Amino acid sequence: MIAHIDIGSSLKQMVRSGQITLGGYRNKKIYGTLHCSSGKRMKIENRVFFKDEEEAVLSGYRPCAHCMPEQYKHWKNAQFTA
């Protein structure tokens, strides 16, 4: 997990190289695509980035219901069966 405030101007380069594929909201521990309109509205100091979905899940984040509805549905069902 990488905080947005720690990246600086190299964000675009990291996205292009594949080092970052998902974004997250630190306060609610939600991750989603980099194109999610919900994610684009958050403050920079609350934004984090992940290399992949596995890293996000291992960091304790859940999928965004807006941009990742299928993953969110699986996550939510797992919460009720656990």
PDB file of N, CA and C in Angstrom:
ATOM      1  N   MET A   1       0.848  -1.171   0.000  1.00  0.00           N
ATOM      2  CA  MET A   1       0.000   0.000   0.000  1.00  0.00           C
ATOM      3  C   MET A   1       0.894   1.235   0.000  1.00  0.00           C
ATOM      4  N   ILE A   2       0.543   2.183  -0.852  1.00  0.00           N
ATOM      5  CA  ILE A   2       1.296   3.420  -0.964  1.00  0.00           C
ATOM      6  C   ILE A   2       0.331   4.592  -0.781  1.00  0.00           C
ATOM      7  N   ALA A   3       0.635   5.508   0.113  1.00  0.00           N
ATOM      8  CA  ALA A   3      -0.188   6.695   0.304  1.00  0.00           C
ATOM      9  C   ALA A   3       0.058   7.680  -0.835  1.00  0.00           C
ATOM     10  N   HIS A   4      -0.991   8.340  -1.285  1.00  0.00           N
ATOM     11  CA  HIS A   4      -0.880   9.299  -2.379  1.00  0.00           C
ATOM     12  C   HIS A   4       0.086  10.429  -2.028  1.00  0.00           C
ATOM     13  N   ILE A   5       0.050  10.896  -0.800  1.00  0.00           N
ATOM     14  CA  ILE A   5       0.925  12.010  -0.416  1.00  0.00           C
ATOM     15  C   ILE A   5       2.396  11.609  -0.422  1.00  0.00           C
ATOM     16  N   ASP A   6       2.688  10.304  -0.381  1.00  0.00           N
ATOM     17  CA  ASP A   6       4.073   9.828  -0.413  1.00  0.00           C
ATOM     18  C   ASP A   6       4.615   9.653  -1.835  1.00  0.00           C
ATOM     19  N   ILE A   7       3.742   9.656  -2.830  1.00  0.00           N
ATOM     20  CA  ILE A   7       4.157   9.395  -4.203  1.00  0.00           C
ATOM     21  C   ILE A   7       4.692  10.639  -4.895  1.00  0.00           C
ATOM     22  N   GLY A   8       3.991  11.743  -4.732  1.00  0.00           N
ATOM     23  CA  GLY A   8       4.408  12.960  -5.406  1.00  0.00           C
ATOM     24  C   GLY A   8       4.062  12.934  -6.878  1.00  0.00           C
ATOM     25  N   SER A   9       4.985  13.363  -7.710  1.00  0.00           N
ATOM     26  CA  SER A   9       4.713  13.510  -9.145  1.00  0.00           C
ATOM     27  C   SER A   9       4.907  12.225  -9.935  1.00  0.00           C
ATOM     28  N   SER A  10       5.299  11.144  -9.322  1.00  0.00           N
ATOM     29  CA  SER A  10       5.560   9.899 -10.059  1.00  0.00           C
ATOM     30  C   SER A  10       4.332   8.999 -10.183  1.00  0.00           C
ATOM     31  N   LEU A  11       3.148   9.476  -9.826  1.00  0.00           N
ATOM     32  CA  LEU A  11       1.932   8.665  -9.866  1.00  0.00           C
ATOM     33  C   LEU A  11       1.649   8.138 -11.275  1.00  0.00           C
ATOM     34  N   LYS A  12       1.654   9.015 -12.272  1.00  0.00           N
ATOM     35  CA  LYS A  12       1.358   8.577 -13.639  1.00  0.00           C
ATOM     36  C   LYS A  12       2.350   7.523 -14.112  1.00  0.00           C
ATOM     37  N   GLN A  13       3.592   7.711 -13.794  1.00  0.00           N
ATOM     38  CA  GLN A  13       4.628   6.754 -14.195  1.00  0.00           C
ATOM     39  C   GLN A  13       4.385   5.385 -13.540  1.00  0.00           C
ATOM     40  N   MET A  14       3.993   5.396 -12.268  1.00  0.00           N
ATOM     41  CA  MET A  14       3.739   4.141 -11.551  1.00  0.00           C
ATOM     42  C   MET A  14       2.508   3.425 -12.108  1.00  0.00           C
ATOM     43  N   VAL A  15       1.497   4.178 -12.524  1.00  0.00           N
ATOM     44  CA  VAL A  15       0.302   3.581 -13.132  1.00  0.00           C
ATOM     45  C   VAL A  15       0.668   2.972 -14.479  1.00  0.00           C
ATOM     46  N   ARG A  16       1.403   3.709 -15.295  1.00  0.00           N
ATOM     47  CA  ARG A  16       1.794   3.218 -16.622  1.00  0.00           C
ATOM     48  C   ARG A  16       2.659   1.961 -16.540  1.00  0.00           C
ATOM     49  N   SER A  17       3.520   1.891 -15.528  1.00  0.00           N
ATOM     50  CA  SER A  17       4.412   0.738 -15.398  1.00  0.00           C
ATOM     51  C   SER A  17       3.734  -0.464 -14.739  1.00  0.00           C
ATOM     52  N   GLY A  18       2.514  -0.286 -14.219  1.00  0.00           N
ATOM     53  CA  GLY A  18       1.792  -1.384 -13.593  1.00  0.00           C
ATOM     54  C   GLY A  18       2.073  -1.558 -12.112  1.00  0.00           C
ATOM     55  N   GLN A  19       2.839  -0.643 -11.518  1.00  0.00           N
ATOM     56  CA  GLN A  19       3.106  -0.723 -10.082  1.00  0.00           C
ATOM     57  C   GLN A  19       1.863  -0.370  -9.270  1.00  0.00           C
ATOM     58  N   ILE A  20       0.944   0.373  -9.881  1.00  0.00           N
ATOM     59  CA  ILE A  20      -0.324   0.750  -9.247  1.00  0.00           C
ATOM     60  C   ILE A  20      -1.454   0.382 -10.198  1.00  0.00           C
ATOM     61  N   THR A  21      -2.435  -0.397  -9.709  1.00  0.00           N
ATOM     62  CA  THR A  21      -3.587  -0.758 -10.537  1.00  0.00           C
ATOM     63  C   THR A  21      -4.918  -0.432  -9.864  1.00  0.00           C
ATOM     64  N   LEU A  22      -4.893  -0.222  -8.553  1.00  0.00           N
ATOM     65  CA  LEU A  22      -6.119   0.063  -7.805  1.00  0.00           C
ATOM     66  C   LEU A  22      -5.893   1.222  -6.833  1.00  0.00           C
ATOM     67  N   GLY A  23      -6.974   1.928  -6.533  1.00  0.00           N
ATOM     68  CA  GLY A  23      -6.912   2.997  -5.548  1.00  0.00           C
ATOM     69  C   GLY A  23      -7.771   2.637  -4.350  1.00  0.00           C
ATOM     70  N   GLY A  24      -7.513   3.294  -3.223  1.00  0.00           N
ATOM     71  CA  GLY A  24      -8.282   2.996  -2.023  1.00  0.00           C
ATOM     72  C   GLY A  24      -8.562   4.228  -1.195  1.00  0.00           C
ATOM     73  N   TYR A  25      -9.568   4.106  -0.332  1.00  0.00           N
ATOM     74  CA  TYR A  25      -9.974   5.162   0.587  1.00  0.00           C
ATOM     75  C   TYR A  25      -9.590   4.710   1.994  1.00  0.00           C
ATOM     76  N   ARG A  26      -8.586   5.362   2.556  1.00  0.00           N
ATOM     77  CA  ARG A  26      -8.012   4.959   3.834  1.00  0.00           C
ATOM     78  C   ARG A  26      -9.030   4.945   4.979  1.00  0.00           C
ATOM     79  N   ASN A  27      -9.908   5.937   5.050  1.00  0.00           N
ATOM     80  CA  ASN A  27     -10.832   6.060   6.186  1.00  0.00           C
ATOM     81  C   ASN A  27     -11.828   4.907   6.289  1.00  0.00           C
ATOM     82  N   LYS A  28     -12.388   4.488   5.176  1.00  0.00           N
ATOM     83  CA  LYS A  28     -13.403   3.418   5.188  1.00  0.00           C
ATOM     84  C   LYS A  28     -12.848   2.073   4.736  1.00  0.00           C
ATOM     85  N   LYS A  29     -11.547   2.046   4.359  1.00  0.00           N
ATOM     86  CA  LYS A  29     -10.888   0.822   3.907  1.00  0.00           C
ATOM     87  C   LYS A  29     -11.622   0.187   2.723  1.00  0.00           C
ATOM     88  N   ILE A  30     -11.795   0.996   1.663  1.00  0.00           N
ATOM     89  CA  ILE A  30     -12.450   0.561   0.434  1.00  0.00           C
ATOM     90  C   ILE A  30     -11.446   0.700  -0.704  1.00  0.00           C
ATOM     91  N   TYR A  31     -11.401  -0.281  -1.611  1.00  0.00           N
ATOM     92  CA  TYR A  31     -10.548  -0.153  -2.796  1.00  0.00           C
ATOM     93  C   TYR A  31     -11.391  -0.284  -4.051  1.00  0.00           C
ATOM     94  N   GLY A  32     -10.903   0.321  -5.135  1.00  0.00           N
ATOM     95  CA  GLY A  32     -11.619   0.258  -6.402  1.00  0.00           C
ATOM     96  C   GLY A  32     -10.701   0.591  -7.569  1.00  0.00           C
ATOM     97  N   THR A  33     -11.297   0.706  -8.732  1.00  0.00           N
ATOM     98  CA  THR A  33     -10.533   0.999  -9.939  1.00  0.00           C
ATOM     99  C   THR A  33     -10.034   2.442  -9.897  1.00  0.00           C
ATOM    100  N   LEU A  34      -9.044   2.718 -10.710  1.00  0.00           N
ATOM    101  CA  LEU A  34      -8.496   4.079 -10.770  1.00  0.00           C
ATOM    102  C   LEU A  34      -9.439   5.039 -11.491  1.00  0.00           C
ATOM    103  N   HIS A  35     -10.448   4.512 -12.184  1.00  0.00           N
ATOM    104  CA  HIS A  35     -11.387   5.340 -12.933  1.00  0.00           C
ATOM    105  C   HIS A  35     -12.705   5.560 -12.197  1.00  0.00           C
ATOM    106  N   CYS A  36     -12.828   5.082 -10.995  1.00  0.00           N
ATOM    107  CA  CYS A  36     -14.072   5.171 -10.228  1.00  0.00           C
ATOM    108  C   CYS A  36     -14.380   6.632  -9.879  1.00  0.00           C
ATOM    109  N   SER A  37     -15.598   7.058 -10.170  1.00  0.00           N
ATOM    110  CA  SER A  37     -15.975   8.440  -9.876  1.00  0.00           C
ATOM    111  C   SER A  37     -16.029   8.702  -8.370  1.00  0.00           C
ATOM    112  N   SER A  38     -16.343   7.689  -7.588  1.00  0.00           N
ATOM    113  CA  SER A  38     -16.346   7.861  -6.125  1.00  0.00           C
ATOM    114  C   SER A  38     -14.935   8.103  -5.614  1.00  0.00           C
ATOM    115  N   GLY A  39     -13.984   7.365  -6.139  1.00  0.00           N
ATOM    116  CA  GLY A  39     -12.597   7.500  -5.715  1.00  0.00           C
ATOM    117  C   GLY A  39     -11.981   8.830  -6.113  1.00  0.00           C
ATOM    118  N   LYS A  40     -12.400   9.363  -7.227  1.00  0.00           N
ATOM    119  CA  LYS A  40     -11.847  10.629  -7.704  1.00  0.00           C
ATOM    120  C   LYS A  40     -12.260  11.808  -6.833  1.00  0.00           C
ATOM    121  N   ARG A  41     -13.333  11.656  -6.052  1.00  0.00           N
ATOM    122  CA  ARG A  41     -13.817  12.750  -5.208  1.00  0.00           C
ATOM    123  C   ARG A  41     -13.129  12.828  -3.845  1.00  0.00           C
ATOM    124  N   MET A  42     -12.389  11.822  -3.464  1.00  0.00           N
ATOM    125  CA  MET A  42     -11.797  11.811  -2.121  1.00  0.00           C
ATOM    126  C   MET A  42     -10.595  12.745  -2.026  1.00  0.00           C
ATOM    127  N   LYS A  43     -10.312  13.165  -0.833  1.00  0.00           N
ATOM    128  CA  LYS A  43      -9.154  14.024  -0.585  1.00  0.00           C
ATOM    129  C   LYS A  43      -7.868  13.230  -0.780  1.00  0.00           C
ATOM    130  N   ILE A  44      -6.841  13.896  -1.258  1.00  0.00           N
ATOM    131  CA  ILE A  44      -5.557  13.245  -1.530  1.00  0.00           C
ATOM    132  C   ILE A  44      -4.980  12.595  -0.277  1.00  0.00           C
ATOM    133  N   GLU A  45      -5.130  13.224   0.869  1.00  0.00           N
ATOM    134  CA  GLU A  45      -4.544  12.664   2.088  1.00  0.00           C
ATOM    135  C   GLU A  45      -5.220  11.371   2.544  1.00  0.00           C
ATOM    136  N   ASN A  46      -6.415  11.068   2.000  1.00  0.00           N
ATOM    137  CA  ASN A  46      -7.126   9.833   2.347  1.00  0.00           C
ATOM    138  C   ASN A  46      -6.964   8.754   1.288  1.00  0.00           C
ATOM    139  N   ARG A  47      -6.228   9.035   0.219  1.00  0.00           N
ATOM    140  CA  ARG A  47      -6.100   8.136  -0.917  1.00  0.00           C
ATOM    141  C   ARG A  47      -4.851   7.261  -0.785  1.00  0.00           C
ATOM    142  N   VAL A  48      -5.018   5.978  -1.062  1.00  0.00           N
ATOM    143  CA  VAL A  48      -3.901   5.028  -1.089  1.00  0.00           C
ATOM    144  C   VAL A  48      -3.972   4.232  -2.385  1.00  0.00           C
ATOM    145  N   PHE A  49      -2.876   3.585  -2.729  1.00  0.00           N
ATOM    146  CA  PHE A  49      -2.824   2.810  -3.967  1.00  0.00           C
ATOM    147  C   PHE A  49      -2.277   1.421  -3.710  1.00  0.00           C
ATOM    148  N   PHE A  50      -2.710   0.482  -4.560  1.00  0.00           N
ATOM    149  CA  PHE A  50      -2.300  -0.910  -4.449  1.00  0.00           C
ATOM    150  C   PHE A  50      -1.827  -1.432  -5.797  1.00  0.00           C
ATOM    151  N   LYS A  51      -0.925  -2.400  -5.751  1.00  0.00           N
ATOM    152  CA  LYS A  51      -0.449  -3.048  -6.983  1.00  0.00           C
ATOM    153  C   LYS A  51      -1.530  -3.934  -7.560  1.00  0.00           C
ATOM    154  N   ASP A  52      -2.234  -4.662  -6.692  1.00  0.00           N
ATOM    155  CA  ASP A  52      -3.269  -5.572  -7.173  1.00  0.00           C
ATOM    156  C   ASP A  52      -4.320  -5.793  -6.093  1.00  0.00           C
ATOM    157  N   GLU A  53      -5.337  -6.557  -6.451  1.00  0.00           N
ATOM    158  CA  GLU A  53      -6.444  -6.826  -5.541  1.00  0.00           C
ATOM    159  C   GLU A  53      -5.994  -7.618  -4.313  1.00  0.00           C
ATOM    160  N   GLU A  54      -5.065  -8.524  -4.506  1.00  0.00           N
ATOM    161  CA  GLU A  54      -4.563  -9.330  -3.388  1.00  0.00           C
ATOM    162  C   GLU A  54      -3.940  -8.434  -2.313  1.00  0.00           C
ATOM    163  N   GLU A  55      -3.151  -7.458  -2.730  1.00  0.00           N
ATOM    164  CA  GLU A  55      -2.524  -6.543  -1.774  1.00  0.00           C
ATOM    165  C   GLU A  55      -3.581  -5.746  -1.016  1.00  0.00           C
ATOM    166  N   ALA A  56      -4.618  -5.311  -1.716  1.00  0.00           N
ATOM    167  CA  ALA A  56      -5.689  -4.544  -1.069  1.00  0.00           C
ATOM    168  C   ALA A  56      -6.415  -5.380  -0.019  1.00  0.00           C
ATOM    169  N   VAL A  57      -6.741  -6.610  -0.376  1.00  0.00           N
ATOM    170  CA  VAL A  57      -7.455  -7.504   0.555  1.00  0.00           C
ATOM    171  C   VAL A  57      -6.577  -7.837   1.760  1.00  0.00           C
ATOM    172  N   LEU A  58      -5.299  -8.112   1.521  1.00  0.00           N
ATOM    173  CA  LEU A  58      -4.384  -8.412   2.625  1.00  0.00           C
ATOM    174  C   LEU A  58      -4.193  -7.213   3.552  1.00  0.00           C
ATOM    175  N   SER A  59      -4.425  -6.016   3.027  1.00  0.00           N
ATOM    176  CA  SER A  59      -4.324  -4.801   3.849  1.00  0.00           C
ATOM    177  C   SER A  59      -5.617  -4.509   4.584  1.00  0.00           C
ATOM    178  N   GLY A  60      -6.634  -5.351   4.403  1.00  0.00           N
ATOM    179  CA  GLY A  60      -7.890  -5.199   5.134  1.00  0.00           C
ATOM    180  C   GLY A  60      -8.923  -4.334   4.445  1.00  0.00           C
ATOM    181  N   TYR A  61      -8.789  -4.111   3.145  1.00  0.00           N
ATOM    182  CA  TYR A  61      -9.728  -3.283   2.393  1.00  0.00           C
ATOM    183  C   TYR A  61     -10.782  -4.149   1.729  1.00  0.00           C
ATOM    184  N   ARG A  62     -11.945  -3.561   1.463  1.00  0.00           N
ATOM    185  CA  ARG A  62     -13.035  -4.257   0.789  1.00  0.00           C
ATOM    186  C   ARG A  62     -13.289  -3.611  -0.569  1.00  0.00           C
ATOM    187  N   PRO A  63     -13.905  -4.342  -1.523  1.00  0.00           N
ATOM    188  CA  PRO A  63     -14.169  -3.786  -2.852  1.00  0.00           C
ATOM    189  C   PRO A  63     -15.225  -2.679  -2.824  1.00  0.00           C
ATOM    190  N   CYS A  64     -15.111  -1.761  -3.748  1.00  0.00           N
ATOM    191  CA  CYS A  64     -16.075  -0.673  -3.917  1.00  0.00           C
ATOM    192  C   CYS A  64     -17.342  -1.221  -4.580  1.00  0.00           C
ATOM    193  N   ALA A  65     -18.497  -0.897  -4.028  1.00  0.00           N
ATOM    194  CA  ALA A  65     -19.763  -1.366  -4.594  1.00  0.00           C
ATOM    195  C   ALA A  65     -20.089  -0.656  -5.891  1.00  0.00           C
ATOM    196  N   HIS A  66     -19.544   0.523  -6.094  1.00  0.00           N
ATOM    197  CA  HIS A  66     -19.852   1.313  -7.284  1.00  0.00           C
ATOM    198  C   HIS A  66     -19.104   0.825  -8.520  1.00  0.00           C
ATOM    199  N   CYS A  67     -17.790   0.675  -8.429  1.00  0.00           N
ATOM    200  CA  CYS A  67     -16.996   0.330  -9.614  1.00  0.00           C
ATOM    201  C   CYS A  67     -16.629  -1.156  -9.696  1.00  0.00           C
ATOM    202  N   MET A  68     -16.835  -1.912  -8.622  1.00  0.00           N
ATOM    203  CA  MET A  68     -16.515  -3.344  -8.613  1.00  0.00           C
ATOM    204  C   MET A  68     -17.693  -4.127  -8.031  1.00  0.00           C
ATOM    205  N   PRO A  69     -18.864  -4.050  -8.674  1.00  0.00           N
ATOM    206  CA  PRO A  69     -20.072  -4.649  -8.081  1.00  0.00           C
ATOM    207  C   PRO A  69     -19.993  -6.160  -7.871  1.00  0.00           C
ATOM    208  N   GLU A  70     -19.375  -6.893  -8.795  1.00  0.00           N
ATOM    209  CA  GLU A  70     -19.282  -8.351  -8.633  1.00  0.00           C
ATOM    210  C   GLU A  70     -18.394  -8.727  -7.442  1.00  0.00           C
ATOM    211  N   GLN A  71     -17.231  -8.084  -7.327  1.00  0.00           N
ATOM    212  CA  GLN A  71     -16.335  -8.360  -6.209  1.00  0.00           C
ATOM    213  C   GLN A  71     -16.995  -7.958  -4.888  1.00  0.00           C
ATOM    214  N   TYR A  72     -17.725  -6.843  -4.903  1.00  0.00           N
ATOM    215  CA  TYR A  72     -18.417  -6.385  -3.698  1.00  0.00           C
ATOM    216  C   TYR A  72     -19.482  -7.403  -3.279  1.00  0.00           C
ATOM    217  N   LYS A  73     -20.214  -7.925  -4.265  1.00  0.00           N
ATOM    218  CA  LYS A  73     -21.260  -8.905  -3.971  1.00  0.00           C
ATOM    219  C   LYS A  73     -20.667 -10.151  -3.308  1.00  0.00           C
ATOM    220  N   HIS A  74     -19.538 -10.629  -3.830  1.00  0.00           N
ATOM    221  CA  HIS A  74     -18.865 -11.796  -3.233  1.00  0.00           C
ATOM    222  C   HIS A  74     -18.382 -11.479  -1.825  1.00  0.00           C
ATOM    223  N   TRP A  75     -17.816 -10.294  -1.639  1.00  0.00           N
ATOM    224  CA  TRP A  75     -17.334  -9.883  -0.313  1.00  0.00           C
ATOM    225  C   TRP A  75     -18.488  -9.814   0.674  1.00  0.00           C
ATOM    226  N   LYS A  76     -19.601  -9.197   0.252  1.00  0.00           N
ATOM    227  CA  LYS A  76     -20.759  -9.037   1.142  1.00  0.00           C
ATOM    228  C   LYS A  76     -21.355 -10.395   1.509  1.00  0.00           C
ATOM    229  N   ASN A  77     -21.469 -11.286   0.548  1.00  0.00           N
ATOM    230  CA  ASN A  77     -22.002 -12.633   0.838  1.00  0.00           C
ATOM    231  C   ASN A  77     -21.096 -13.368   1.818  1.00  0.00           C
ATOM    232  N   ALA A  78     -19.796 -13.194   1.684  1.00  0.00           N
ATOM    233  CA  ALA A  78     -18.863 -13.851   2.587  1.00  0.00           C
ATOM    234  C   ALA A  78     -19.002 -13.317   4.016  1.00  0.00           C
ATOM    235  N   GLN A  79     -19.412 -12.063   4.167  1.00  0.00           N
ATOM    236  CA  GLN A  79     -19.591 -11.476   5.489  1.00  0.00           C
ATOM    237  C   GLN A  79     -20.755 -12.113   6.226  1.00  0.00           C
ATOM    238  N   PHE A  80     -21.805 -12.460   5.478  1.00  0.00           N
ATOM    239  CA  PHE A  80     -23.000 -13.045   6.098  1.00  0.00           C
ATOM    240  C   PHE A  80     -22.848 -14.535   6.375  1.00  0.00           C
ATOM    241  N   THR A  81     -21.980 -15.221   5.629  1.00  0.00           N
ATOM    242  CA  THR A  81     -21.810 -16.647   5.845  1.00  0.00           C
ATOM    243  C   THR A  81     -20.711 -16.949   6.863  1.00  0.00           C
ATOM    244  N   ALA A  82     -19.939 -15.954   7.203  1.00  0.00           N
ATOM    245  CA  ALA A  82     -18.812 -16.182   8.138  1.00  0.00           C
ATOM    246  C   ALA A  82     -19.240 -16.180   9.561  1.00  0.00           C
TER     247      ALA A  82
END
